[in-house]
């Protein structure tokens, strides 16, 4: 018997066992974090944290379910990264408003130099500067100026629905609304007409379709979750293209658009859309700005950013892509869920139709006239309560603090559980039901603040909220005024929701349209 050979074999097995155990412990290195803070939460698994439980419970409703078990404040792990989950309205108000300066930044995955400078990812003074550049694109004055462009897109939407009604087709509506919102964003944000509604196979719609259909379990994303330090290596190796996917198409599209627009002589009479405002905010010679040059500028306030620095080409490109993708998906999804709710709630649909007829008659909807449709607003708000497109908001703690007796260490991500707030029966009786009257003026006066957050809250509230609401309302008015939305055998109730970043129906929303008779 070869004793030496057996010894070597045993040694190898022992080393492998030690390595496996070490790897296991390494994946649990942060898991005492919340115990030390005195917070409970779901039990994490080495390296993956609570991702498997999130997948099992469903990403769209996981925080709602955990709130029932662990309360309004608890800890969980996305991979090895600790997150404090909150659904206490007073706590939320502290984070979003009262202590905003300590929670100004989001915790983001910076895939590359473009994604790191978009408004959603920007930090501190950089974020404040970008916000001041972009804000004039979304004033009430600008909304009125955009009205005709949005109406043109809505007319095309009505034409498409009319063809479906004429043929008696059962249709999945997300594609309809995706083309509509792409057209609206192109027209209002960039001053171009792409007419994707007239071409259902338009590459803009096709490429945008799957842009947000990624999960934590895609290989490279999972690697960065399990091993956060790998993100820099992935970027260095140029592998981020496998993460950002179809964004590459939109970057090329927007880059060409920027180059063409720069060749045009700007004047004060030009429409102040997002792209034109950014071009005007650029300083000659600062199209690209290396970090060492920016440091020499000594930027101390927003005026310095505006007069000494300006906006760079990468930042312009990042905002264009962000507007296209975020603006397209969120409103298209909201219109899709609204249409589903109209189909399964015919009484509320008829009530809304009557309001539109009584208030607008045959007049076109405008920014001002849709404000006179309170029931439409209630239906929109209730749709967003039931189907918040983003189920959580996150903020990173800049400096250690204590809120309501809970210690929040520096750099901890505080994640606001929007779904848990929207479905808490304490604030919303019978939360699973579609009850637009929850948002009547009288009911809203009794609502607990910060229990309804479809657009976020505080200084970092969604910048495009006005535009999103206007394009939703114009489309909703034209659809309900001209057509009945009918449920079919393919209409799910309740909807099965997908496990993607932004809320979506797993099997689609299927309805049938019927022309309304003109009285």
Protein backbone atom coordinates (compact mmCIF):
# COMPACT_ATOMS: atom_id res chain seq x y z
CA UNK A 1 0.00 0.00 0.00
CA UNK A 2 1.32 3.44 -0.95
CA UNK A 3 1.00 5.26 2.35
CA UNK A 4 2.65 8.37 0.93
CA UNK A 5 0.10 8.48 -1.90
CA UNK A 6 -2.81 8.22 0.52
CA UNK A 7 -1.29 10.98 2.62
CA UNK A 8 -0.99 13.24 -0.41
CA UNK A 9 -4.59 12.48 -1.37
CA UNK A 10 -5.82 13.26 2.14
CA UNK A 11 -3.84 16.50 2.17
CA UNK A 12 -5.37 17.56 -1.14
CA UNK A 13 -8.90 16.84 0.12
CA UNK A 14 -8.17 18.77 3.31
CA UNK A 15 -6.92 21.77 1.32
CA UNK A 16 -9.98 21.69 -0.94
CA UNK A 17 -12.24 21.51 2.12
CA UNK A 18 -10.41 24.47 3.69
CA UNK A 19 -10.73 26.48 0.47
CA UNK A 20 -14.45 25.71 0.16
CA UNK A 21 -15.03 26.63 3.80
CA UNK A 22 -13.00 29.82 3.39
CA UNK A 23 -14.99 30.73 0.27
CA UNK A 24 -18.20 30.06 2.19
CA UNK A 25 -17.11 32.27 5.11
CA UNK A 26 -15.97 35.00 2.70
CA UNK A 27 -19.47 35.05 1.25
CA UNK A 28 -20.89 35.60 4.73
CA UNK A 29 -18.43 38.28 5.81
CA UNK A 30 -21.05 41.03 6.13
CA UNK A 31 -23.90 38.97 7.50
CA UNK A 32 -23.56 40.10 11.12
CA UNK A 33 -24.11 43.70 10.00
CA UNK A 34 -27.75 44.06 11.01
CA UNK A 35 -27.44 41.92 14.11
CA UNK A 36 -25.00 44.51 15.43
CA UNK A 37 -27.55 47.24 14.62
CA UNK A 38 -30.33 45.33 16.38
CA UNK A 39 -32.39 44.80 13.21
CA UNK A 40 -34.08 41.57 12.18
CA UNK A 41 -34.61 40.36 8.64
CA UNK A 42 -34.67 37.33 6.35
CA UNK A 43 -31.78 34.91 6.79
CA UNK A 44 -29.15 35.35 4.05
CA UNK A 45 -27.34 32.64 2.08
CA UNK A 46 -23.57 32.79 1.55
CA UNK A 47 -22.63 35.09 -1.36
CA UNK A 48 -26.22 35.41 -2.63
CA UNK A 49 -27.66 37.08 0.44
CA UNK A 50 -31.46 37.12 0.07
CA UNK A 51 -31.65 36.98 -3.73
CA UNK A 52 -33.09 33.47 -3.87
CA UNK A 53 -35.84 34.38 -1.40
CA UNK A 54 -36.59 37.51 -3.45
CA UNK A 55 -36.92 35.43 -6.60
CA UNK A 56 -39.14 32.88 -4.88
CA UNK A 57 -41.47 35.49 -3.36
CA UNK A 58 -41.43 37.64 -6.51
CA UNK A 59 -39.41 40.85 -6.88
CA UNK A 60 -42.55 42.91 -7.46
CA UNK A 61 -44.12 42.09 -4.08
CA UNK A 62 -41.25 40.82 -1.92
CA UNK A 63 -41.03 43.86 0.37
CA UNK A 64 -44.77 43.78 0.92
CA UNK A 65 -44.51 40.19 2.16
CA UNK A 66 -41.42 40.81 4.30
CA UNK A 67 -43.07 43.82 5.95
CA UNK A 68 -45.75 41.48 7.29
CA UNK A 69 -43.03 39.34 8.89
CA UNK A 70 -40.31 41.79 9.94
CA UNK A 71 -42.13 45.10 10.29
CA UNK A 72 -41.46 48.52 8.78
CA UNK A 73 -37.67 48.54 9.29
CA UNK A 74 -35.41 45.53 8.77
CA UNK A 75 -32.21 44.43 7.08
CA UNK A 76 -31.60 42.26 4.01
CA UNK A 77 -28.74 41.56 1.60
CA UNK A 78 -28.48 41.92 -2.15
CA UNK A 79 -25.58 39.54 -2.62
CA UNK A 80 -23.12 40.54 0.10
CA UNK A 81 -24.29 44.17 0.23
CA UNK A 82 -26.48 45.14 3.21
CA UNK A 83 -29.68 47.12 2.59
CA UNK A 84 -31.92 48.64 5.25
CA UNK A 85 -35.54 48.30 4.08
CA UNK A 86 -38.03 50.86 5.33
CA UNK A 87 -41.79 51.31 4.93
CA UNK A 88 -42.47 53.59 7.89
CA UNK A 89 -43.81 56.90 6.46
CA UNK A 90 -42.10 59.07 9.10
CA UNK A 91 -38.79 57.31 8.48
CA UNK A 92 -39.29 57.76 4.72
CA UNK A 93 -39.93 61.48 5.16
CA UNK A 94 -36.71 61.83 7.18
CA UNK A 95 -34.70 60.19 4.39
CA UNK A 96 -36.32 61.87 1.38
CA UNK A 97 -36.92 65.35 2.77
CA UNK A 98 -35.87 66.32 6.28
CA UNK A 99 -32.38 64.83 6.04
CA UNK A 100 -32.06 64.94 2.29
CA UNK A 101 -28.55 66.42 2.41
CA UNK A 102 -27.42 63.24 4.18
CA UNK A 103 -29.24 60.97 1.70
CA UNK A 104 -28.81 62.87 -1.56
CA UNK A 105 -27.18 60.05 -3.53
CA UNK A 106 -28.49 56.80 -4.92
CA UNK A 107 -26.64 53.50 -4.73
CA UNK A 108 -25.99 52.72 -8.37
CA UNK A 109 -24.13 50.25 -10.52
CA UNK A 110 -21.88 52.36 -12.72
CA UNK A 111 -21.42 50.10 -15.74
CA UNK A 112 -19.24 52.56 -17.65
CA UNK A 113 -18.39 56.25 -18.11
CA UNK A 114 -21.75 56.96 -19.76
CA UNK A 115 -24.05 55.34 -17.22
CA UNK A 116 -22.10 56.93 -14.34
CA UNK A 117 -22.97 60.49 -15.45
CA UNK A 118 -26.70 60.14 -16.12
CA UNK A 119 -29.02 62.10 -13.82
CA UNK A 120 -30.19 58.99 -11.97
CA UNK A 121 -26.59 58.08 -11.07
CA UNK A 122 -25.01 61.51 -10.59
CA UNK A 123 -23.99 62.54 -7.08
CA UNK A 124 -23.88 65.63 -4.88
CA UNK A 125 -23.09 68.90 -6.75
CA UNK A 126 -22.87 67.04 -10.06
CA UNK A 127 -26.46 65.89 -9.66
CA UNK A 128 -27.60 69.39 -8.64
CA UNK A 129 -26.00 70.93 -11.71
CA UNK A 130 -27.49 68.41 -14.14
CA UNK A 131 -30.90 68.92 -12.54
CA UNK A 132 -30.71 72.70 -13.10
CA UNK A 133 -29.82 72.15 -16.77
CA UNK A 134 -32.68 69.72 -17.38
CA UNK A 135 -35.45 71.23 -15.23
CA UNK A 136 -36.53 73.93 -17.75
CA UNK A 137 -37.54 71.12 -20.14
CA UNK A 138 -40.34 70.07 -17.80
CA UNK A 139 -42.04 73.27 -16.62
CA UNK A 140 -45.79 73.80 -17.00
CA UNK A 141 -45.00 76.35 -19.72
CA UNK A 142 -43.08 73.68 -21.64
CA UNK A 143 -45.90 71.19 -21.19
CA UNK A 144 -48.28 73.59 -22.91
CA UNK A 145 -45.78 74.03 -25.73
CA UNK A 146 -45.53 70.25 -26.14
CA UNK A 147 -49.28 69.70 -26.27
CA UNK A 148 -49.63 69.71 -30.06
CA UNK A 149 -46.78 67.21 -30.48
CA UNK A 150 -48.28 64.84 -27.93
CA UNK A 151 -51.71 65.15 -29.54
CA UNK A 152 -50.25 64.17 -32.91
CA UNK A 153 -48.85 61.02 -31.31
CA UNK A 154 -52.20 60.35 -29.60
CA UNK A 155 -54.02 60.69 -32.93
CA UNK A 156 -51.78 57.95 -34.35
CA UNK A 157 -52.54 55.81 -31.30
CA UNK A 158 -56.28 56.24 -31.88
CA UNK A 159 -55.79 55.26 -35.52
CA UNK A 160 -54.02 52.04 -34.53
CA UNK A 161 -56.67 51.16 -31.95
CA UNK A 162 -59.39 51.87 -34.52
CA UNK A 163 -57.93 49.24 -36.86
CA UNK A 164 -57.94 46.70 -34.03
CA UNK A 165 -61.55 47.56 -33.17
CA UNK A 166 -62.60 47.26 -36.80
CA UNK A 167 -61.06 43.79 -37.07
CA UNK A 168 -62.38 42.70 -33.66
CA UNK A 169 -58.88 41.62 -32.64
CA UNK A 170 -57.86 40.59 -29.14
CA UNK A 171 -54.60 42.42 -28.64
CA UNK A 172 -51.70 42.70 -26.22
CA UNK A 173 -51.58 46.44 -25.55
CA UNK A 174 -48.02 47.05 -24.30
CA UNK A 175 -46.69 47.24 -27.86
CA UNK A 176 -49.31 49.87 -28.73
CA UNK A 177 -48.36 52.12 -25.85
CA UNK A 178 -44.63 51.53 -26.23
CA UNK A 179 -44.73 52.93 -29.76
CA UNK A 180 -46.83 55.88 -28.55
CA UNK A 181 -44.44 56.80 -25.73
CA UNK A 182 -41.37 56.40 -27.96
CA UNK A 183 -42.96 58.88 -30.37
CA UNK A 184 -43.82 61.31 -27.56
CA UNK A 185 -40.30 61.23 -26.09
CA UNK A 186 -38.70 61.70 -29.52
CA UNK A 187 -40.96 64.66 -30.31
CA UNK A 188 -40.91 66.46 -26.96
CA UNK A 189 -37.37 65.67 -25.85
CA UNK A 190 -35.55 65.93 -29.15
CA UNK A 191 -37.86 67.66 -31.61
CA UNK A 192 -37.98 64.75 -34.06
CA UNK A 193 -40.86 62.67 -35.39
CA UNK A 194 -39.96 58.99 -35.62
CA UNK A 195 -43.50 57.65 -36.32
CA UNK A 196 -42.81 54.28 -34.75
CA UNK A 197 -46.59 53.81 -34.39
CA UNK A 198 -46.91 53.66 -38.15
CA UNK A 199 -44.16 51.06 -38.28
CA UNK A 200 -44.65 48.37 -35.61
CA UNK A 201 -41.26 46.91 -36.50
CA UNK A 202 -39.44 50.20 -35.98
CA UNK A 203 -35.99 49.43 -34.51
CA UNK A 204 -36.53 51.96 -31.71
CA UNK A 205 -39.48 49.97 -30.38
CA UNK A 206 -37.88 46.58 -31.02
CA UNK A 207 -34.63 47.53 -29.26
CA UNK A 208 -36.44 49.21 -26.36
CA UNK A 209 -38.74 46.23 -25.79
CA UNK A 210 -36.29 44.16 -23.75
CA UNK A 211 -34.13 46.95 -22.37
CA UNK A 212 -35.33 46.56 -18.78
CA UNK A 213 -35.81 42.81 -18.83
CA UNK A 214 -32.75 41.97 -16.81
CA UNK A 215 -32.51 40.35 -13.42
CA UNK A 216 -29.89 39.87 -10.74
CA UNK A 217 -29.31 36.36 -12.09
CA UNK A 218 -27.77 37.35 -15.40
CA UNK A 219 -24.16 36.07 -15.19
CA UNK A 220 -22.21 39.35 -15.16
CA UNK A 221 -24.74 41.16 -12.97
CA UNK A 222 -24.73 38.24 -10.53
CA UNK A 223 -20.92 38.38 -10.43
CA UNK A 224 -20.96 42.05 -9.45
CA UNK A 225 -23.59 41.34 -6.80
CA UNK A 226 -21.62 38.44 -5.30
CA UNK A 227 -18.26 40.16 -5.74
CA UNK A 228 -18.79 43.96 -5.98
CA UNK A 229 -15.09 44.62 -6.66
CA UNK A 230 -15.43 42.74 -9.97
CA UNK A 231 -17.38 45.68 -11.48
CA UNK A 232 -14.19 47.61 -12.22
CA UNK A 233 -12.57 44.57 -13.84
CA UNK A 234 -15.66 44.02 -16.01
CA UNK A 235 -15.51 47.64 -17.16
CA UNK A 236 -11.75 47.44 -17.78
CA UNK A 237 -12.20 44.34 -19.93
CA UNK A 238 -14.93 46.04 -21.96
CA UNK A 239 -17.56 43.49 -20.94
CA UNK A 240 -20.17 46.05 -19.88
CA UNK A 241 -21.72 45.80 -23.34
CA UNK A 242 -23.11 42.44 -22.24
CA UNK A 243 -24.81 44.17 -19.29
CA UNK A 244 -26.17 47.28 -20.99
CA UNK A 245 -27.31 45.26 -24.03
CA UNK A 246 -29.64 47.22 -26.29
CA UNK A 247 -28.54 50.50 -24.74
CA UNK A 248 -25.73 50.44 -27.30
CA UNK A 249 -28.29 50.96 -30.08
CA UNK A 250 -29.82 53.95 -28.27
CA UNK A 251 -26.40 55.45 -27.58
CA UNK A 252 -25.51 55.34 -31.26
CA UNK A 253 -28.92 56.79 -32.16
CA UNK A 254 -28.61 59.63 -29.63
CA UNK A 255 -24.97 60.33 -30.47
CA UNK A 256 -25.85 60.84 -34.13
CA UNK A 257 -28.79 63.03 -33.10
CA UNK A 258 -26.54 65.23 -30.95
CA UNK A 259 -23.97 65.60 -33.71
CA UNK A 260 -26.61 66.63 -36.23
CA UNK A 261 -28.29 69.09 -33.85
CA UNK A 262 -24.96 70.75 -33.01
CA UNK A 263 -24.59 71.71 -36.66
CA UNK A 264 -27.78 73.79 -36.45
CA UNK A 265 -27.46 77.42 -35.40
CA UNK A 266 -29.43 77.77 -32.14
CA UNK A 267 -31.70 80.75 -31.59
CA UNK A 268 -34.12 81.82 -28.86
CA UNK A 269 -37.10 80.92 -31.01
CA UNK A 270 -36.23 77.23 -31.07
CA UNK A 271 -38.28 74.87 -28.95
CA UNK A 272 -36.61 74.44 -25.57
CA UNK A 273 -36.54 70.67 -25.60
CA UNK A 274 -34.08 68.66 -23.56
CA UNK A 275 -31.49 68.31 -26.32
CA UNK A 276 -31.49 71.99 -27.29
CA UNK A 277 -31.14 73.08 -23.65
CA UNK A 278 -28.18 70.78 -23.10
CA UNK A 279 -26.40 72.01 -26.23
CA UNK A 280 -26.84 75.58 -25.03
CA UNK A 281 -25.42 74.60 -21.63
CA UNK A 282 -22.19 73.34 -23.18
CA UNK A 283 -19.06 75.51 -22.96
CA UNK A 284 -16.68 75.60 -25.90
CA UNK A 285 -13.60 73.50 -25.22
CA UNK A 286 -15.31 71.51 -22.46
CA UNK A 287 -16.93 68.88 -24.67
CA UNK A 288 -14.62 66.39 -22.97
CA UNK A 289 -13.26 67.15 -19.54
CA UNK A 290 -10.55 64.96 -17.93
CA UNK A 291 -10.79 64.69 -14.11
CA UNK A 292 -7.54 66.58 -13.58
CA UNK A 293 -8.80 69.53 -15.67
CA UNK A 294 -12.15 69.56 -13.85
CA UNK A 295 -10.34 69.61 -10.50
CA UNK A 296 -8.45 72.73 -11.53
CA UNK A 297 -11.73 74.56 -12.17
CA UNK A 298 -12.42 74.71 -8.39
CA UNK A 299 -16.19 74.24 -8.60
CA UNK A 300 -17.70 75.53 -5.35
CA UNK A 301 -21.35 76.13 -6.31
CA UNK A 302 -23.88 75.70 -9.10
CA UNK A 303 -22.90 79.02 -10.68
CA UNK A 304 -19.34 77.73 -11.01
CA UNK A 305 -20.59 74.53 -12.65
CA UNK A 306 -22.64 76.58 -15.11
CA UNK A 307 -20.02 79.24 -15.96
CA UNK A 308 -16.73 77.36 -15.58
CA UNK A 309 -17.59 73.77 -16.48
CA UNK A 310 -20.75 73.32 -18.53
CA UNK A 311 -22.08 69.96 -19.67
CA UNK A 312 -19.87 67.42 -21.46
CA UNK A 313 -20.62 65.28 -24.51
CA UNK A 314 -20.80 62.13 -22.38
CA UNK A 315 -23.29 63.80 -20.03
CA UNK A 316 -25.46 64.96 -22.91
CA UNK A 317 -25.45 61.46 -24.36
CA UNK A 318 -26.25 59.91 -20.97
CA UNK A 319 -29.29 62.18 -20.40
CA UNK A 320 -30.62 61.55 -23.91
CA UNK A 321 -30.45 57.78 -23.44
CA UNK A 322 -31.99 58.03 -19.96
CA UNK A 323 -34.92 60.11 -21.23
CA UNK A 324 -35.58 57.72 -24.09
CA UNK A 325 -35.46 54.55 -22.01
CA UNK A 326 -36.93 55.59 -18.64
CA UNK A 327 -39.53 57.88 -20.20
CA UNK A 328 -40.61 55.25 -22.70
CA UNK A 329 -40.95 52.29 -20.35
CA UNK A 330 -42.58 53.86 -17.31
CA UNK A 331 -45.46 55.61 -19.08
CA UNK A 332 -46.05 52.74 -21.51
CA UNK A 333 -46.35 50.35 -18.55
CA UNK A 334 -48.68 52.68 -16.65
CA UNK A 335 -50.98 52.97 -19.68
CA UNK A 336 -50.88 49.19 -20.03
CA UNK A 337 -51.92 48.58 -16.41
CA UNK A 338 -54.55 51.33 -16.65
CA UNK A 339 -56.06 49.63 -19.71
CA UNK A 340 -56.17 46.33 -17.84
CA UNK A 341 -57.98 47.99 -14.93
CA UNK A 342 -60.49 49.62 -17.28
CA UNK A 343 -61.22 46.24 -18.88
CA UNK A 344 -61.92 44.47 -15.58
CA UNK A 345 -63.74 47.43 -14.02
CA UNK A 346 -66.37 48.45 -16.63
CA UNK A 347 -68.37 50.61 -14.18
CA UNK A 348 -65.37 52.81 -13.43
CA UNK A 349 -64.57 52.92 -17.15
CA UNK A 350 -68.04 54.24 -17.96
CA UNK A 351 -67.83 56.79 -15.15
CA UNK A 352 -64.56 58.06 -16.61
CA UNK A 353 -66.05 58.15 -20.12
CA UNK A 354 -68.96 60.23 -18.88
CA UNK A 355 -66.62 62.72 -17.20
CA UNK A 356 -64.64 63.13 -20.43
CA UNK A 357 -67.82 63.69 -22.47
CA UNK A 358 -69.27 66.13 -19.93
CA UNK A 359 -66.12 68.21 -19.48
CA UNK A 360 -64.37 68.06 -22.86
CA UNK A 361 -67.07 67.07 -25.30
CA UNK A 362 -65.27 66.87 -28.65
CA UNK A 363 -62.51 69.31 -27.63
CA UNK A 364 -58.94 68.08 -27.75
CA UNK A 365 -57.33 67.47 -24.36
CA UNK A 366 -54.74 70.07 -23.35
CA UNK A 367 -52.42 70.54 -20.40
CA UNK A 368 -54.97 72.85 -18.80
CA UNK A 369 -58.17 71.01 -19.71
CA UNK A 370 -57.04 67.60 -18.40
CA UNK A 371 -56.60 69.25 -14.99
CA UNK A 372 -60.40 69.58 -14.99
CA UNK A 373 -60.87 65.79 -15.10
CA UNK A 374 -60.64 64.77 -11.43
CA UNK A 375 -61.84 61.21 -11.96
CA UNK A 376 -59.20 60.64 -14.63
CA UNK A 377 -56.59 61.82 -12.15
CA UNK A 378 -58.00 59.47 -9.50
CA UNK A 379 -57.85 56.53 -11.91
CA UNK A 380 -54.27 57.35 -12.82
CA UNK A 381 -53.19 57.67 -9.18
CA UNK A 382 -54.91 54.44 -8.21
CA UNK A 383 -53.30 52.64 -11.16
CA UNK A 384 -49.88 53.78 -9.92
CA UNK A 385 -50.70 52.73 -6.38
CA UNK A 386 -51.61 49.22 -7.49
CA UNK A 387 -48.80 49.01 -10.02
CA UNK A 388 -45.84 51.19 -8.98
CA UNK A 389 -43.44 50.73 -11.89
CA UNK A 390 -40.43 50.79 -9.56
CA UNK A 391 -41.10 48.90 -6.33
CA UNK A 392 -38.29 50.51 -4.33
CA UNK A 393 -36.32 53.76 -4.03
CA UNK A 394 -32.81 53.78 -2.64
CA UNK A 395 -30.62 56.36 -0.96
CA UNK A 396 -27.10 56.02 0.40
CA UNK A 397 -26.27 57.44 3.82
CA UNK A 398 -23.45 60.01 3.54
CA UNK A 399 -22.81 60.37 7.26
CA UNK A 400 -23.78 58.05 10.13
CA UNK A 401 -26.99 59.12 11.83
CA UNK A 402 -29.90 57.81 13.91
CA UNK A 403 -33.51 57.93 12.73
CA UNK A 404 -36.37 56.91 15.00
CA UNK A 405 -33.91 55.01 17.21
CA UNK A 406 -32.35 53.11 14.28
CA UNK A 407 -28.61 53.59 13.71
CA UNK A 408 -27.77 54.16 10.04
CA UNK A 409 -24.01 53.73 9.42
CA UNK A 410 -22.18 55.68 6.74
CA UNK A 411 -22.56 54.28 3.19
CA UNK A 412 -25.45 51.99 4.14
CA UNK A 413 -28.11 51.80 1.43
CA UNK A 414 -31.57 52.65 2.72
CA UNK A 415 -34.18 51.15 0.41
CA UNK A 416 -37.74 52.53 0.58
CA UNK A 417 -40.22 49.72 -0.05
CA UNK A 418 -42.82 51.38 -2.27
CA UNK A 419 -44.90 48.23 -2.73
CA UNK A 420 -45.06 47.69 1.04
CA UNK A 421 -46.35 51.24 1.51
CA UNK A 422 -48.87 51.05 -1.34
CA UNK A 423 -50.31 47.76 -0.11
CA UNK A 424 -50.35 48.40 3.63
CA UNK A 425 -54.00 48.03 4.78
CA UNK A 426 -53.22 50.46 7.61
CA UNK A 427 -53.07 53.25 5.03
CA UNK A 428 -55.10 51.72 2.18
CA UNK A 429 -58.10 49.59 3.27
CA UNK A 430 -58.67 46.64 0.92
CA UNK A 431 -55.36 47.43 -0.84
CA UNK A 432 -55.82 44.82 -3.60
CA UNK A 433 -58.96 46.57 -4.90
CA UNK A 434 -59.13 49.26 -7.59
CA UNK A 435 -60.83 52.16 -5.82
CA UNK A 436 -60.11 55.50 -7.57
CA UNK A 437 -62.05 57.39 -4.89
CA UNK A 438 -59.08 56.91 -2.56
CA UNK A 439 -57.64 59.92 -4.41
CA UNK A 440 -60.57 62.32 -4.24
CA UNK A 441 -59.62 65.71 -2.79
CA UNK A 442 -61.38 64.85 0.47
CA UNK A 443 -59.68 61.45 0.74
CA UNK A 444 -56.24 62.89 -0.11
CA UNK A 445 -56.55 65.42 2.70
CA UNK A 446 -56.71 62.48 5.12
CA UNK A 447 -53.88 60.44 3.62
CA UNK A 448 -50.78 59.82 5.67
CA UNK A 449 -47.89 61.65 3.96
CA UNK A 450 -45.25 59.48 2.25
CA UNK A 451 -47.46 56.42 1.91
CA UNK A 452 -47.80 57.01 -1.85
CA UNK A 453 -44.57 57.29 -3.84
CA UNK A 454 -44.98 56.33 -7.51
CA UNK A 455 -42.61 59.14 -8.57
CA UNK A 456 -40.42 59.18 -5.48
CA UNK A 457 -40.40 62.21 -3.22
CA UNK A 458 -38.37 65.14 -1.97
CA UNK A 459 -35.85 67.17 -4.04
CA UNK A 460 -34.92 64.08 -6.06
CA UNK A 461 -38.50 63.35 -7.13
CA UNK A 462 -38.87 62.20 -10.76
CA UNK A 463 -37.99 65.14 -13.00
CA UNK A 464 -40.21 63.94 -15.86
CA UNK A 465 -43.34 63.55 -13.71
CA UNK A 466 -45.27 66.37 -15.43
CA UNK A 467 -44.55 65.01 -18.90
CA UNK A 468 -45.40 61.44 -17.86
CA UNK A 469 -48.75 62.53 -16.45
CA UNK A 470 -49.61 64.65 -19.47
CA UNK A 471 -48.83 61.99 -22.07
CA UNK A 472 -50.73 59.45 -19.95
CA UNK A 473 -53.81 61.66 -19.66
CA UNK A 474 -53.98 62.64 -23.32
CA UNK A 475 -53.70 58.99 -24.39
CA UNK A 476 -56.25 57.87 -21.78
CA UNK A 477 -58.75 60.56 -22.80
CA UNK A 478 -58.53 59.71 -26.49
CA UNK A 479 -58.73 55.96 -25.86
CA UNK A 480 -61.70 56.01 -23.45
CA UNK A 481 -63.58 58.71 -25.38
CA UNK A 482 -63.44 56.72 -28.63
CA UNK A 483 -63.42 53.08 -27.52
CA UNK A 484 -64.75 50.65 -24.96
CA UNK A 485 -62.04 48.48 -23.45
CA UNK A 486 -63.38 44.95 -23.05
CA UNK A 487 -62.02 41.97 -21.13
CA UNK A 488 -61.51 38.71 -23.02
CA UNK A 489 -60.76 35.09 -22.26
CA UNK A 490 -57.08 35.99 -22.38
CA UNK A 491 -57.46 38.82 -19.84
CA UNK A 492 -55.83 37.75 -16.58
CA UNK A 493 -57.34 38.70 -13.24
CA UNK A 494 -55.21 39.03 -11.23
CA UNK A 495 -52.23 39.73 -13.47
CA UNK A 496 -49.15 37.56 -13.16
CA UNK A 497 -46.21 39.92 -12.68
CA UNK A 498 -42.73 39.41 -14.08
CA UNK A 499 -39.51 39.37 -12.01
CA UNK A 500 -37.80 42.25 -13.81
CA UNK A 501 -36.29 45.56 -12.75
CA UNK A 502 -39.40 47.53 -13.70
CA UNK A 503 -42.87 46.16 -13.07
CA UNK A 504 -44.33 44.27 -16.03
CA UNK A 505 -47.01 41.70 -16.75
CA UNK A 506 -45.50 38.25 -17.31
CA UNK A 507 -48.04 37.17 -19.92
CA UNK A 508 -49.01 40.55 -21.27
CA UNK A 509 -52.23 42.55 -20.96
CA UNK A 510 -54.87 41.33 -23.42
CA UNK A 511 -58.05 43.25 -24.21
CA UNK A 512 -60.46 43.96 -27.04
CA UNK A 513 -61.47 47.42 -28.26
CA UNK A 514 -64.93 48.38 -29.47
CA UNK A 515 -65.78 51.70 -31.10
CA UNK A 516 -68.15 53.88 -29.12
CA UNK A 517 -71.19 55.15 -30.94
CA UNK A 518 -71.31 58.90 -31.51
CA UNK A 519 -74.36 60.43 -29.82
